[in-house]
Amino acid sequence: MGQKSDFLAGIVVGALAGIGLGILFAPQSGQVTRQRVRDRADEMGTRLRSSADDLTQRGRTAMDELTHRGRMAVDEGSRRLRDAYDRGRETIARGESAAEPGENNSV
């Protein structure tokens, strides 16, 4: 994400520099130049909003996918833990019923 935000920042800085240079070297009257600057600023604002909306949507999609994967991992871990617990209880139960009372088979 860092490269994308750096890229967008570069676009904004470049656009502002272009607008500034356009004002300085514009052969039109002040009123025409101001209107052109307004139009370009509006256009850049629209582009930036569109890019921001796109990045927001991508971020939401990625977050949803990560959440889904996380839930699946937790569910799988819980299932494995329950299975291991059940097998352990069964093994202990079989071991206790096969041993003589008072006998310890843990050695």
Protein backbone atom coordinates (compact mmCIF):
# COMPACT_ATOMS: atom_id res chain seq x y z
CA MET A 1 0.00 0.00 0.00
CA GLY A 2 2.95 2.37 0.60
CA GLN A 3 3.90 2.48 -3.06
CA LYS A 4 0.35 3.27 -4.11
CA SER A 5 0.02 6.13 -1.65
CA ASP A 6 3.43 7.47 -2.72
CA PHE A 7 2.29 7.29 -6.32
CA LEU A 8 -0.95 9.14 -5.55
CA ALA A 9 1.00 11.77 -3.61
CA GLY A 10 3.26 12.20 -6.65
CA ILE A 11 0.24 12.69 -8.87
CA VAL A 12 -1.18 15.35 -6.54
CA VAL A 13 2.15 17.20 -6.27
CA GLY A 14 2.64 17.03 -10.04
CA ALA A 15 -0.86 18.32 -10.66
CA LEU A 16 -0.39 21.21 -8.25
CA ALA A 17 2.95 22.08 -9.82
CA GLY A 18 1.37 21.99 -13.26
CA ILE A 19 -1.45 24.25 -12.15
CA GLY A 20 1.01 26.67 -10.60
CA LEU A 21 3.17 26.79 -13.73
CA GLY A 22 0.07 27.21 -15.84
CA ILE A 23 -0.90 30.27 -13.85
CA LEU A 24 2.56 31.78 -14.17
CA PHE A 25 2.94 31.26 -17.91
CA ALA A 26 -0.66 31.53 -19.07
CA PRO A 27 -1.19 33.82 -22.08
CA GLN A 28 -4.90 34.30 -21.22
CA SER A 29 -6.46 36.97 -19.06
CA GLY A 30 -6.69 36.49 -15.30
CA GLN A 31 -10.37 35.59 -15.40
CA VAL A 32 -9.89 32.90 -18.08
CA THR A 33 -6.83 31.54 -16.26
CA ARG A 34 -8.70 31.34 -12.95
CA GLN A 35 -11.56 29.47 -14.64
CA ARG A 36 -9.14 27.02 -16.24
CA VAL A 37 -7.44 26.49 -12.87
CA ARG A 38 -10.84 25.89 -11.24
CA ASP A 39 -11.79 23.42 -13.97
CA ARG A 40 -8.53 21.53 -13.65
CA ALA A 41 -8.75 21.50 -9.86
CA ASP A 42 -12.29 20.11 -10.10
CA GLU A 43 -11.09 17.47 -12.55
CA MET A 44 -8.22 16.48 -10.24
CA GLY A 45 -10.61 16.37 -7.28
CA THR A 46 -12.88 14.03 -9.20
CA ARG A 47 -9.95 11.80 -10.14
CA LEU A 48 -8.67 11.73 -6.58
CA ARG A 49 -12.11 10.88 -5.19
CA SER A 50 -12.41 8.09 -7.74
CA SER A 51 -8.97 6.74 -6.82
CA ALA A 52 -9.75 7.00 -3.12
CA ASP A 53 -13.04 5.15 -3.63
CA ASP A 54 -11.23 2.44 -5.58
CA LEU A 55 -8.57 2.05 -2.89
CA THR A 56 -11.22 1.99 -0.18
CA GLN A 57 -13.12 -0.76 -1.98
CA ARG A 58 -9.93 -2.78 -2.47
CA GLY A 59 -9.11 -2.35 1.20
CA ARG A 60 -12.56 -3.53 2.25
CA THR A 61 -12.34 -6.54 -0.04
CA ALA A 62 -8.92 -7.46 1.34
CA MET A 63 -10.15 -7.01 4.92
CA ASP A 64 -13.19 -9.20 4.26
CA GLU A 65 -10.97 -11.90 2.77
CA LEU A 66 -8.56 -11.77 5.73
CA THR A 67 -11.46 -11.92 8.17
CA HIS A 68 -12.88 -14.95 6.37
CA ARG A 69 -9.50 -16.71 6.36
CA GLY A 70 -9.00 -15.92 10.03
CA ARG A 71 -12.38 -17.34 10.98
CA MET A 72 -11.72 -20.47 8.97
CA ALA A 73 -8.33 -20.91 10.67
CA VAL A 74 -9.89 -20.48 14.12
CA ASP A 75 -12.67 -22.94 13.28
CA GLU A 76 -10.16 -25.50 11.99
CA GLY A 77 -7.94 -25.04 15.05
CA SER A 78 -10.92 -25.46 17.36
CA ARG A 79 -12.00 -28.61 15.54
CA ARG A 80 -8.51 -30.10 15.78
CA LEU A 81 -8.26 -29.24 19.45
CA ARG A 82 -11.63 -30.87 20.18
CA ASP A 83 -10.59 -33.99 18.23
CA ALA A 84 -7.28 -34.22 20.11
CA TYR A 85 -9.06 -33.71 23.43
CA ASP A 86 -11.60 -36.43 22.63
CA ARG A 87 -8.88 -38.86 21.52
CA GLY A 88 -6.94 -38.14 24.71
CA ARG A 89 -9.98 -38.78 26.88
CA GLU A 90 -10.69 -42.04 25.02
CA THR A 91 -7.07 -43.15 25.39
CA ILE A 92 -7.09 -42.35 29.10
CA ALA A 93 -10.41 -44.14 29.56
CA ARG A 94 -9.11 -47.26 27.77
CA GLY A 95 -5.87 -47.16 29.76
CA GLU A 96 -7.65 -46.89 33.09
CA SER A 97 -10.03 -49.73 32.37
CA ALA A 98 -7.16 -52.02 31.24
CA ALA A 99 -5.01 -51.30 34.31
CA GLU A 100 -5.42 -53.03 37.62
CA PRO A 101 -6.82 -50.88 40.40
CA GLY A 102 -3.98 -49.00 42.05
CA GLU A 103 -1.51 -49.90 39.29
CA ASN A 104 0.40 -47.08 37.61
CA ASN A 105 1.36 -47.62 33.91
CA SER A 106 3.03 -44.27 33.44
CA VAL A 107 6.60 -45.60 33.90
